[in-house]
Every structure is written in C-alpha cells, then in structure tokens.
N, C-alpha and C. Protein backbone atom coordinates (compact mmCIF):
# COMPACT_ATOMS: atom_id res chain seq x y z
N UNK A 1 14.89 -29.13 18.60
CA UNK A 1 15.37 -28.09 19.05
C UNK A 1 14.46 -27.45 20.50
N UNK A 2 15.13 -27.46 21.76
CA UNK A 2 14.19 -26.48 22.86
C UNK A 2 14.24 -25.03 23.16
N UNK A 3 13.01 -24.55 22.84
CA UNK A 3 13.42 -23.11 22.91
C UNK A 3 12.79 -22.62 24.57
N UNK A 4 13.58 -21.71 24.82
CA UNK A 4 12.76 -20.92 26.60
C UNK A 4 11.68 -19.96 26.16
N UNK A 5 11.02 -20.37 27.17
CA UNK A 5 9.78 -19.31 26.92
C UNK A 5 10.24 -17.62 27.92
N UNK A 6 10.06 -17.35 27.10
CA UNK A 6 10.34 -15.45 27.66
C UNK A 6 9.48 -15.18 28.40
N UNK A 7 9.31 -15.04 29.65
CA UNK A 7 8.69 -14.50 30.87
C UNK A 7 8.43 -13.21 30.63
N UNK A 8 9.48 -12.85 30.06
CA UNK A 8 9.84 -10.97 30.58
C UNK A 8 8.53 -10.64 29.30
N UNK A 9 8.70 -11.33 28.12
CA UNK A 9 7.82 -10.69 27.19
C UNK A 9 6.60 -11.29 27.40
N UNK A 10 6.32 -12.37 27.71
CA UNK A 10 4.71 -12.79 27.46
C UNK A 10 4.20 -12.09 28.64
N UNK A 11 4.77 -12.18 29.68
CA UNK A 11 4.22 -11.30 31.19
C UNK A 11 3.92 -10.00 30.99
N UNK A 12 4.62 -9.01 29.85
CA UNK A 12 4.37 -7.84 30.17
C UNK A 12 3.15 -7.05 29.48
N UNK A 13 2.51 -6.92 30.53
CA UNK A 13 0.59 -6.69 29.83
C UNK A 13 1.08 -4.90 29.17
N UNK A 14 1.73 -4.05 29.83
CA UNK A 14 2.06 -3.00 29.06
C UNK A 14 2.66 -3.34 28.05
N UNK A 15 3.29 -3.85 27.39
CA UNK A 15 4.12 -3.85 26.11
C UNK A 15 2.80 -4.14 25.14
N UNK A 16 2.40 -5.05 25.85
CA UNK A 16 0.63 -5.72 24.75
C UNK A 16 -0.02 -4.92 24.52
N UNK A 17 -0.38 -4.16 25.77
CA UNK A 17 -1.35 -2.86 25.85
C UNK A 17 -0.58 -1.81 24.79
N UNK A 18 0.35 -1.33 24.26
CA UNK A 18 0.96 -0.12 23.97
C UNK A 18 1.00 -1.03 22.23
N UNK A 19 1.06 -1.88 21.97
CA UNK A 19 0.87 -2.82 20.64
C UNK A 19 -0.24 -2.63 20.00
N UNK A 20 -1.40 -3.01 20.98
CA UNK A 20 -2.67 -2.74 20.77
C UNK A 20 -3.12 -1.80 20.59
N UNK A 21 -2.64 -0.22 21.31
CA UNK A 21 -3.32 0.89 20.63
C UNK A 21 -2.46 1.47 19.48
N UNK A 22 -1.13 1.01 19.08
CA UNK A 22 -0.71 1.46 17.93
C UNK A 22 -1.47 0.40 17.09
N UNK A 23 -2.20 -0.57 17.04
CA UNK A 23 -2.73 -1.20 15.67
C UNK A 23 -4.08 -0.62 15.59
N UNK A 24 -4.60 -0.09 16.88
CA UNK A 24 -5.82 0.35 16.79
C UNK A 24 -5.89 1.92 16.34
N UNK A 25 -5.22 2.58 16.58
CA UNK A 25 -4.29 3.79 15.92
C UNK A 25 -4.51 3.58 14.33
N UNK A 26 -3.51 2.80 13.93
CA UNK A 26 -3.03 2.58 12.73
C UNK A 26 -4.73 2.26 11.73
N UNK A 27 -5.54 1.24 12.48
CA UNK A 27 -6.99 0.87 11.82
C UNK A 27 -7.98 2.44 11.73
N UNK A 28 -7.85 2.67 12.86
CA UNK A 28 -8.66 4.30 12.71
C UNK A 28 -8.46 5.29 11.72
N UNK A 29 -6.84 5.41 11.53
CA UNK A 29 -6.92 6.09 10.44
C UNK A 29 -7.28 5.49 9.31
N UNK A 30 -6.59 4.41 8.95
CA UNK A 30 -6.85 4.08 7.46
C UNK A 30 -8.14 4.06 7.81
N UNK A 31 -8.92 3.74 8.09
CA UNK A 31 -10.88 3.96 8.19
C UNK A 31 -11.27 5.18 7.95
N UNK A 32 -10.43 6.07 8.65
CA UNK A 32 -10.76 7.61 8.38
C UNK A 32 -10.73 7.99 6.90
N UNK A 33 -9.52 7.49 6.61
CA UNK A 33 -8.93 7.96 5.35
C UNK A 33 -9.95 7.52 3.84
N UNK A 34 -9.97 5.92 4.16
CA UNK A 34 -10.63 5.03 3.38
C UNK A 34 -12.23 6.05 3.48
N UNK A 35 -12.57 6.45 4.72
CA UNK A 35 -14.43 6.98 4.61
C UNK A 35 -13.77 8.29 3.03
N UNK A 36 -13.11 8.49 3.29
CA UNK A 36 -12.51 9.84 2.17
C UNK A 36 -13.31 10.08 1.21
N UNK A 37 -13.05 8.34 0.56
CA UNK A 37 -13.18 7.94 -1.04
C UNK A 37 -14.30 7.24 -0.92
N UNK A 38 -15.30 7.43 -1.34
CA UNK A 38 -16.76 6.86 -0.83
C UNK A 38 -16.67 6.42 -2.45
N UNK A 39 -17.81 4.77 -2.56
CA UNK A 39 -17.63 4.55 -3.61
C UNK A 39 -18.18 5.60 -4.74
N UNK A 40 -18.86 6.28 -4.69
CA UNK A 40 -19.51 6.87 -5.52
C UNK A 40 -18.31 7.67 -6.71
N UNK A 41 -17.36 7.90 -5.69
CA UNK A 41 -16.15 8.77 -6.23
C UNK A 41 -15.25 7.81 -7.08
N UNK A 42 -15.22 6.72 -6.19
CA UNK A 42 -13.90 5.59 -6.60
C UNK A 42 -14.35 5.36 -8.35
N UNK A 43 -15.95 4.65 -8.32
CA UNK A 43 -16.56 4.29 -9.55
C UNK A 43 -16.34 5.18 -10.56
N UNK A 44 -16.07 7.08 -10.79
CA UNK A 44 -15.88 7.56 -11.59
C UNK A 44 -14.73 7.61 -11.86
N UNK A 45 -13.53 7.28 -11.40
CA UNK A 45 -11.93 7.14 -11.91
C UNK A 45 -11.62 5.87 -12.58
N UNK A 46 -12.33 4.82 -11.45
CA UNK A 46 -12.26 3.12 -11.98
C UNK A 46 -13.48 2.13 -12.06
N UNK A 47 -14.45 2.48 -13.20
CA UNK A 47 -15.66 1.77 -13.22
C UNK A 47 -15.92 0.31 -12.76
N UNK A 48 -14.52 -0.56 -12.43
CA UNK A 48 -14.86 -1.56 -11.71
C UNK A 48 -13.90 -1.65 -10.45
N UNK A 49 -14.80 -0.57 -9.97
CA UNK A 49 -13.86 -0.06 -8.29
C UNK A 49 -15.35 -1.09 -7.21
N UNK A 50 -14.10 -1.71 -6.45
CA UNK A 50 -15.26 -2.21 -5.00
C UNK A 50 -15.11 -1.96 -3.96
N UNK A 51 -14.71 -0.37 -3.99
CA UNK A 51 -14.60 0.49 -2.85
C UNK A 51 -13.17 0.26 -2.17
N UNK A 52 -13.20 0.88 -0.67
CA UNK A 52 -12.45 0.98 -0.24
C UNK A 52 -12.59 -0.12 1.14
N UNK A 53 -11.53 -0.45 1.60
CA UNK A 53 -11.85 -2.00 3.00
C UNK A 53 -10.27 -1.99 3.50
N UNK A 54 -10.28 -1.93 4.86
CA UNK A 54 -9.31 -1.79 6.03
C UNK A 54 -9.10 -3.37 6.73
N UNK A 55 -7.96 -3.60 6.35
CA UNK A 55 -7.86 -5.03 6.88
C UNK A 55 -7.03 -5.01 7.92
N UNK A 56 -6.30 -6.13 8.79
CA UNK A 56 -5.58 -6.13 9.59
C UNK A 56 -5.02 -7.87 9.24
N UNK A 57 -3.65 -7.56 10.11
CA UNK A 57 -3.11 -9.42 10.13
C UNK A 57 -2.26 -9.46 11.26
N UNK A 58 -1.73 -10.42 11.70
CA UNK A 58 -0.80 -10.78 12.64
C UNK A 58 0.55 -11.37 12.01
N UNK A 59 0.55 -12.06 10.67
CA UNK A 59 2.15 -12.32 10.68
C UNK A 59 1.87 -12.80 8.51
N UNK A 60 2.54 -11.03 8.36
CA UNK A 60 3.41 -11.12 7.57
C UNK A 60 4.64 -10.74 7.56
N UNK A 61 5.36 -12.29 6.85
CA UNK A 61 6.73 -12.40 7.24
C UNK A 61 7.00 -12.29 8.64
N UNK A 62 5.94 -12.72 9.88
CA UNK A 62 6.19 -12.52 11.29
C UNK A 62 5.87 -11.50 11.52
N UNK A 63 5.38 -10.37 10.87
CA UNK A 63 5.06 -9.23 11.26
C UNK A 63 3.97 -8.59 11.29
N UNK A 64 2.97 -8.26 12.30
CA UNK A 64 1.45 -7.73 12.41
C UNK A 64 1.88 -6.47 11.03
N UNK A 65 0.27 -6.05 10.53
CA UNK A 65 0.48 -5.38 9.48
C UNK A 65 -1.38 -4.90 9.44
N UNK A 66 -1.24 -3.39 9.05
CA UNK A 66 -2.78 -2.53 8.83
C UNK A 66 -2.75 -2.67 7.64
N UNK A 67 -3.83 -2.46 6.77
CA UNK A 67 -3.68 -1.82 5.07
C UNK A 67 -5.13 -1.60 4.61
N UNK A 68 -4.87 -0.42 3.98
CA UNK A 68 -6.04 0.05 3.51
C UNK A 68 -5.92 -0.02 1.96
N UNK A 69 -7.00 -0.24 1.49
CA UNK A 69 -7.05 -0.89 0.14
C UNK A 69 -7.90 0.31 -0.54
N UNK A 70 -8.06 1.04 -1.50
CA UNK A 70 -8.62 1.63 -2.33
C UNK A 70 -8.85 1.00 -3.62
N UNK A 71 -10.04 0.72 -4.35
CA UNK A 71 -10.67 0.59 -5.84
C UNK A 71 -10.60 -0.58 -5.67
N UNK A 72 -9.61 -1.93 -5.65
CA UNK A 72 -9.76 -3.62 -5.04
C UNK A 72 -10.42 -4.03 -6.37
N UNK A 73 -9.64 -3.70 -7.67
CA UNK A 73 -9.37 -4.23 -8.57
C UNK A 73 -8.23 -4.59 -9.06
N UNK A 74 -8.21 -6.12 -8.66
CA UNK A 74 -6.64 -6.90 -8.96
C UNK A 74 -6.57 -7.60 -9.91
N UNK A 75 -7.59 -7.24 -11.09
CA UNK A 75 -7.20 -7.79 -11.95
C UNK A 75 -5.65 -7.39 -12.94
N UNK A 76 -5.14 -8.32 -13.14
CA UNK A 76 -3.72 -8.16 -13.73
C UNK A 76 -3.72 -7.27 -15.20
N UNK A 77 -4.86 -7.51 -16.15
CA UNK A 77 -4.98 -6.71 -17.47
C UNK A 77 -5.58 -5.47 -17.00
N UNK A 78 -6.18 -5.22 -16.52
CA UNK A 78 -7.18 -4.32 -16.62
C UNK A 78 -7.16 -3.33 -15.00
N UNK A 79 -7.25 -4.25 -14.18
CA UNK A 79 -6.99 -3.32 -12.48
C UNK A 79 -6.79 -2.34 -12.24
N UNK A 80 -6.80 -2.23 -10.95
CA UNK A 80 -6.22 -0.39 -10.46
C UNK A 80 -6.42 -1.01 -8.63
N UNK A 81 -5.49 -0.95 -8.05
CA UNK A 81 -5.63 -1.18 -6.76
C UNK A 81 -4.72 -0.35 -5.93
N UNK A 82 -5.01 0.93 -5.11
CA UNK A 82 -3.94 1.46 -4.29
C UNK A 82 -4.11 1.22 -3.03
N UNK A 83 -3.00 0.35 -2.08
CA UNK A 83 -2.99 -0.22 -0.97
C UNK A 83 -2.20 0.97 -0.01
N UNK A 84 -2.78 0.90 1.15
CA UNK A 84 -1.69 1.35 1.79
C UNK A 84 -1.28 0.37 2.69
N UNK A 85 -0.04 0.31 3.08
CA UNK A 85 0.67 -0.89 4.17
C UNK A 85 1.11 -0.28 5.31
N UNK A 86 0.60 -0.87 6.55
CA UNK A 86 1.57 -0.48 7.35
C UNK A 86 2.12 -2.00 7.79
N UNK A 87 3.52 -2.04 7.67
CA UNK A 87 3.94 -3.33 8.11
C UNK A 87 5.32 -3.47 8.90
N UNK A 88 4.54 -3.93 10.61
CA UNK A 88 5.35 -3.75 11.77
C UNK A 88 6.44 -4.30 11.37
N UNK A 89 7.99 -2.95 11.80
CA UNK A 89 9.55 -3.27 11.60
C UNK A 89 9.90 -3.53 10.08
N UNK A 90 9.17 -3.04 9.25
CA UNK A 90 9.52 -2.76 7.84
C UNK A 90 9.31 -1.55 7.12
N UNK A 91 7.75 -0.49 8.15
CA UNK A 91 7.45 0.66 7.02
C UNK A 91 6.37 0.90 6.92
N UNK A 92 5.96 2.06 6.16
CA UNK A 92 4.68 2.31 5.84
C UNK A 92 5.17 2.41 4.47
N UNK A 93 4.03 1.92 3.92
CA UNK A 93 4.35 2.07 2.48
C UNK A 93 2.81 2.51 1.26
N UNK A 94 2.93 2.77 0.56
CA UNK A 94 1.53 3.19 -0.44
C UNK A 94 2.07 2.04 -1.39
N UNK A 95 1.07 1.20 -2.38
CA UNK A 95 1.58 0.43 -3.41
C UNK A 95 0.51 0.54 -4.17
N UNK A 96 0.84 0.72 -5.74
CA UNK A 96 0.26 0.82 -6.71
C UNK A 96 0.22 -0.27 -7.67
N UNK A 97 -0.92 -1.03 -7.70
CA UNK A 97 -0.99 -1.93 -8.73
C UNK A 97 -2.20 -1.35 -9.74
N UNK A 98 -1.57 -1.85 -11.33
CA UNK A 98 -2.33 -1.22 -12.33
C UNK A 98 -1.85 -2.08 -13.64
N UNK A 99 -3.47 -2.97 -14.29
CA UNK A 99 -2.74 -3.50 -15.52
C UNK A 99 -2.81 -2.46 -16.27
N UNK A 100 -1.62 -3.55 -17.32
CA UNK A 100 -0.77 -2.71 -18.38
C UNK A 100 -2.32 -2.19 -19.80
N UNK A 101 -3.37 -2.89 -19.09
CA UNK A 101 -4.33 -2.46 -20.25
C UNK A 101 -5.48 -1.16 -19.91
N UNK A 102 -5.05 -0.95 -18.66
CA UNK A 102 -6.00 -0.08 -17.88
C UNK A 102 -6.13 1.28 -18.77
N UNK A 103 -7.33 1.79 -18.95
CA UNK A 103 -7.27 3.06 -20.06
C UNK A 103 -6.78 4.25 -19.30
N UNK A 104 -6.53 4.05 -17.75
CA UNK A 104 -6.08 5.49 -17.05
C UNK A 104 -4.46 5.30 -17.22
N UNK A 105 -4.01 4.09 -17.73
CA UNK A 105 -2.66 4.02 -17.20
C UNK A 105 -1.57 4.90 -17.69
N UNK A 106 -1.76 5.94 -18.40
CA UNK A 106 -0.89 6.52 -18.88
C UNK A 106 -1.14 7.92 -17.54
N UNK A 107 -2.80 7.92 -17.55
CA UNK A 107 -2.33 9.38 -16.35
C UNK A 107 -1.84 8.69 -14.94
N UNK A 108 -1.94 7.31 -14.67
CA UNK A 108 -1.37 7.08 -13.32
C UNK A 108 -0.09 7.02 -13.59
N UNK A 109 0.53 6.41 -14.37
CA UNK A 109 1.73 6.45 -14.46
C UNK A 109 2.80 8.03 -14.29
N UNK A 110 1.85 8.81 -15.08
CA UNK A 110 2.72 10.17 -14.99
C UNK A 110 2.46 10.55 -13.52
N UNK A 111 1.23 10.52 -13.04
CA UNK A 111 1.04 10.62 -11.47
C UNK A 111 2.12 10.41 -10.62
N UNK A 112 2.35 8.68 -10.42
CA UNK A 112 3.42 8.05 -10.47
C UNK A 112 4.72 8.82 -10.17
N UNK A 113 5.14 8.85 -11.78
CA UNK A 113 6.46 9.79 -11.39
C UNK A 113 6.44 11.34 -11.22
N UNK A 114 5.49 11.93 -11.03
CA UNK A 114 5.46 13.15 -10.09
C UNK A 114 5.73 12.69 -8.91
N UNK A 115 5.80 12.32 -8.06
CA UNK A 115 5.63 11.35 -6.72
C UNK A 115 6.96 10.44 -6.58
N UNK A 116 7.37 10.47 -7.12
CA UNK A 116 8.81 9.44 -6.90
C UNK A 116 8.60 8.12 -6.34
N UNK A 117 7.73 7.58 -7.07
CA UNK A 117 7.87 5.89 -7.18
C UNK A 117 9.15 5.31 -7.19
N UNK A 118 8.67 4.20 -6.63
CA UNK A 118 9.74 3.11 -6.91
C UNK A 118 9.14 1.96 -8.18
N UNK A 119 9.23 1.74 -9.06
CA UNK A 119 9.37 0.41 -10.01
C UNK A 119 9.52 -0.76 -9.61
N UNK A 120 8.55 -1.62 -9.15
CA UNK A 120 9.23 -3.45 -8.52
C UNK A 120 9.83 -3.89 -10.20
N UNK A 121 10.69 -4.83 -9.71
CA UNK A 121 10.88 -5.76 -10.82
C UNK A 121 10.14 -7.10 -10.85
N UNK A 122 9.11 -6.84 -9.71
CA UNK A 122 9.19 -8.45 -9.27
C UNK A 122 7.65 -8.15 -9.99
N UNK A 123 7.06 -9.61 -10.14
CA UNK A 123 5.66 -9.59 -10.61
C UNK A 123 4.72 -9.95 -9.81
N UNK A 124 4.97 -10.24 -8.85
CA UNK A 124 3.90 -10.99 -7.57
C UNK A 124 3.77 -10.10 -6.93
N UNK A 125 2.08 -9.74 -6.62
CA UNK A 125 1.54 -8.50 -6.71
C UNK A 125 1.65 -8.11 -4.39
N UNK A 126 1.92 -9.34 -3.94
CA UNK A 126 1.24 -9.62 -2.34
C UNK A 126 3.25 -10.36 -1.99
N UNK A 127 3.96 -10.28 -2.89
CA UNK A 127 5.27 -10.51 -2.30
C UNK A 127 6.26 -9.66 -1.18
N UNK A 128 6.09 -8.70 -0.56
CA UNK A 128 6.28 -7.17 -0.13
C UNK A 128 7.95 -7.57 -0.28
N UNK A 129 8.61 -8.00 0.84
CA UNK A 129 9.96 -8.07 0.56
C UNK A 129 10.48 -7.94 -0.82
N UNK A 130 10.28 -9.08 -1.69
CA UNK A 130 10.56 -9.07 -2.75
C UNK A 130 10.58 -7.78 -3.69
N UNK A 131 9.54 -7.14 -3.59
CA UNK A 131 8.87 -5.93 -4.35
C UNK A 131 9.63 -5.09 -3.57
N UNK A 132 9.98 -4.66 -2.63
CA UNK A 132 10.77 -3.94 -2.18
C UNK A 132 12.47 -3.46 -2.32
N UNK A 133 12.57 -5.08 -2.31
CA UNK A 133 13.64 -5.39 -2.80
C UNK A 133 14.28 -5.22 -3.98
N UNK A 134 13.50 -5.18 -4.97
CA UNK A 134 13.59 -5.58 -6.21
C UNK A 134 13.11 -4.48 -7.39
N UNK A 135 13.54 -3.41 -6.66
CA UNK A 135 13.22 -1.90 -7.55
C UNK A 135 14.03 -0.66 -7.88
N UNK A 136 13.60 0.10 -8.75
CA UNK A 136 14.20 0.74 -9.49
C UNK A 136 13.15 2.53 -9.12
N UNK A 137 13.89 3.65 -9.40
CA UNK A 137 13.57 4.47 -9.11
C UNK A 137 12.36 4.57 -10.59
N UNK A 138 10.71 4.81 -10.27
CA UNK A 138 10.57 4.53 -11.89
C UNK A 138 10.79 5.81 -12.51
N UNK A 139 10.88 5.74 -13.94
CA UNK A 139 11.08 6.83 -14.80
C UNK A 139 10.50 6.24 -16.06
N UNK A 140 9.99 6.78 -17.40
CA UNK A 140 9.76 6.78 -18.91
C UNK A 140 9.69 5.67 -19.25
N UNK A 141 10.99 5.50 -19.37
CA UNK A 141 11.86 4.35 -19.64
C UNK A 141 11.60 2.90 -19.27
N UNK A 142 12.29 3.02 -17.92
CA UNK A 142 12.10 1.45 -17.61
C UNK A 142 10.66 1.09 -17.37
N UNK A 143 9.46 2.40 -17.73
CA UNK A 143 8.12 1.97 -17.46
C UNK A 143 7.60 1.39 -18.59
N UNK A 144 8.28 1.90 -19.71
CA UNK A 144 7.98 1.60 -21.17
C UNK A 144 8.55 -0.35 -21.20
N UNK A 145 9.52 -0.83 -20.80
CA UNK A 145 10.38 -1.51 -20.69
C UNK A 145 9.50 -2.81 -20.17
N UNK A 146 9.12 -2.25 -18.65
CA UNK A 146 8.95 -3.15 -17.82
C UNK A 146 6.96 -3.73 -18.50
N UNK A 147 6.54 -2.54 -18.94
CA UNK A 147 5.14 -3.13 -19.24
C UNK A 147 5.10 -3.75 -20.26
N UNK A 148 6.62 -4.24 -21.19
CA UNK A 148 5.61 -4.75 -22.31
C UNK A 148 6.15 -5.86 -22.07
N UNK A 149 6.76 -5.92 -21.17
CA UNK A 149 7.23 -8.01 -20.58
C UNK A 149 6.35 -8.02 -19.24
N UNK A 150 5.77 -7.60 -18.34
CA UNK A 150 4.73 -7.89 -17.85
C UNK A 150 3.28 -7.70 -17.91
N UNK A 151 2.28 -7.81 -17.00
CA UNK A 151 0.77 -7.68 -17.70
C UNK A 151 0.73 -6.32 -16.47
N UNK A 152 1.01 -6.27 -15.50
CA UNK A 152 0.77 -5.80 -14.27
C UNK A 152 2.09 -4.63 -13.71
N UNK A 153 1.81 -3.40 -13.38
CA UNK A 153 2.72 -2.71 -12.90
C UNK A 153 2.92 -2.37 -11.59
N UNK A 154 3.82 -2.72 -10.65
CA UNK A 154 3.30 -2.63 -9.69
C UNK A 154 4.95 -1.44 -9.05
N UNK A 155 4.08 -0.61 -8.49
CA UNK A 155 5.13 0.64 -8.23
C UNK A 155 4.94 0.98 -6.60
N UNK A 156 5.92 1.39 -5.70
CA UNK A 156 5.61 1.84 -4.28
C UNK A 156 6.18 2.97 -3.71
N UNK A 157 6.13 3.82 -2.70
CA UNK A 157 6.68 4.82 -2.20
C UNK A 157 6.29 4.17 -0.45
N UNK A 158 7.82 4.73 0.16
CA UNK A 158 7.72 4.82 1.04
C UNK A 158 7.44 5.96 1.98
N UNK A 159 6.41 5.78 2.92
CA UNK A 159 5.77 6.94 3.91
C UNK A 159 6.61 6.78 4.88
N UNK A 160 7.42 8.15 5.28
CA UNK A 160 8.19 8.11 6.72
C UNK A 160 6.81 8.31 7.73
N UNK A 161 6.90 7.61 8.83
CA UNK A 161 6.41 7.90 10.28
C UNK A 161 7.01 8.92 10.87
N UNK A 162 6.02 10.24 11.32
CA UNK A 162 6.06 11.33 11.87
C UNK A 162 5.14 11.54 12.91
N UNK A 163 4.22 12.31 12.79
CA UNK A 163 3.08 12.91 14.00
C UNK A 163 1.89 12.06 12.98
N UNK A 164 0.80 11.69 13.76
CA UNK A 164 -0.07 10.86 12.97
C UNK A 164 -1.03 11.76 12.09
N UNK A 165 -1.02 13.02 12.79
CA UNK A 165 -1.69 14.36 11.85
C UNK A 165 -0.91 14.11 10.47
N UNK A 166 0.57 14.43 10.64
CA UNK A 166 1.32 14.12 9.43
C UNK A 166 1.24 13.22 8.62
N UNK A 167 1.64 11.87 9.25
CA UNK A 167 1.20 10.40 8.26
C UNK A 167 -0.15 10.93 7.14
N UNK A 168 -1.23 10.90 7.70
CA UNK A 168 -2.61 11.08 7.46
C UNK A 168 -2.38 11.96 6.52
N UNK A 169 -1.77 13.42 6.45
CA UNK A 169 -2.04 13.97 5.68
C UNK A 169 -1.29 14.42 4.25
N UNK A 170 -0.36 13.14 5.11
CA UNK A 170 0.88 12.55 3.62
C UNK A 170 0.45 11.80 2.86
N UNK A 171 -0.58 10.88 3.78
CA UNK A 171 -1.61 9.78 2.69
C UNK A 171 -2.55 10.25 1.99
N UNK A 172 -3.37 11.19 2.14
CA UNK A 172 -4.06 12.16 1.91
C UNK A 172 -3.60 12.94 0.44
N UNK A 173 -2.23 13.15 0.62
CA UNK A 173 -2.29 14.38 -0.69
C UNK A 173 -1.43 12.88 -1.66
N UNK A 174 -0.85 12.30 -0.97
CA UNK A 174 -0.56 11.28 -2.38
C UNK A 174 -1.54 10.40 -3.08
N UNK A 175 -3.17 10.25 -2.22
CA UNK A 175 -3.73 9.75 -2.82
C UNK A 175 -4.74 10.61 -3.29
N UNK A 176 -4.98 11.73 -3.33
CA UNK A 176 -5.37 13.15 -3.72
C UNK A 176 -4.42 12.96 -5.73
N UNK A 177 -2.93 12.85 -4.87
CA UNK A 177 -2.33 12.92 -6.66
C UNK A 177 -2.17 12.13 -7.38
N UNK A 178 -2.52 10.52 -6.84
CA UNK A 178 -2.82 9.18 -8.01
C UNK A 178 -4.16 9.43 -8.48
N UNK A 179 -4.68 10.00 -7.67
CA UNK A 179 -6.25 9.67 -8.13
C UNK A 179 -6.97 11.04 -9.14
N UNK A 180 -5.76 12.06 -8.97
CA UNK A 180 -6.20 12.98 -9.79
C UNK A 180 -7.01 13.78 -9.71
N UNK A 181 -7.62 13.85 -8.47
CA UNK A 181 -8.66 14.88 -7.69
C UNK A 181 -8.50 15.88 -7.27
C-alpha cells in the first residue's frame, strides 16, 4: 500500500506548537495536582503507597496521553491506584483500581457510589477502550456481584473539559472525595 505524505500537516509548525503547548499544560496541571498529595499523606491512606507520578506518551491507541497516578499500588488483591488520564481524542478520565481484599474497599466503594463512577466489566486495568465500553453505573448490587467474580475493581468517571481552572477544581474535588480528606 502506498500512502501519500501530507505536507499540509507535517509542515504545519503552528499546529505542532499548539499541540506541544496543550501537552505541556496537562503535564503541568497534573504535576500541580500531584504535588498537593505528598507521600506522607498518601501513606496514611494506603500504607503501600508509592507516591504520585506524572507521565505521558504518544501512542495509546494512536493518540497521545498524559497520566497522573496517585498511590500507585497495582496489586490486584490489595492494591489501590487513582489514575487521571487525559487521552487525546477520547477525553479526560479518573480511573480507580482497587483490589477486592483492600482493607478500605467499603469506604472507597461508598465514595465511588456517591460520585457516580462507572464499573468496568473488563478485567485488564490498562485496556482503556474495553474498560470504557464495557461499563455500567456503579451500584451496591453490581459491586457485590463483580467483587465476587474478580480480584480487582476498576471504576471510572469521565471529567468534562472546559477551562483549566475548573478542570483542576473538579479533579481535586473528586480526589478529596475518594481519599476521604
């Protein structure tokens, strides 16, 4: 198959500067938010916490992304992680992964219910298309059924993007709700 080089795109310096600016904006935003949750705070919430981390990449299902992870314990049985994912072309999401043997599961679940998170029916924690497509609004019944069937609970909420300040405010609000602080 022979493809045509699209000079209109590859020579559009302004387009790439705008993209770079937006990527930097989210990286800085996630760094600011992560800095509001120091390790000494996170370890009180989850003793196995590995802190926060901001990362980014250019090819998640062919789209760039930025990620903020808080707590970063990915153990399927006892773990706990909160991920904020800005996935270009798909949206901004908060994804909560918690092991069904986690000692704070009930409190976390209560906060997820109060904030209208969706329960993924998919079991692979980083297969985002499947997570977002195979979901139902979390309720106490489907949580119980799901918890019996698998080791890890994966929930998410899509965050509407408007202005930077309101996005930061919404993310911080949800994080404070989920971490019960």
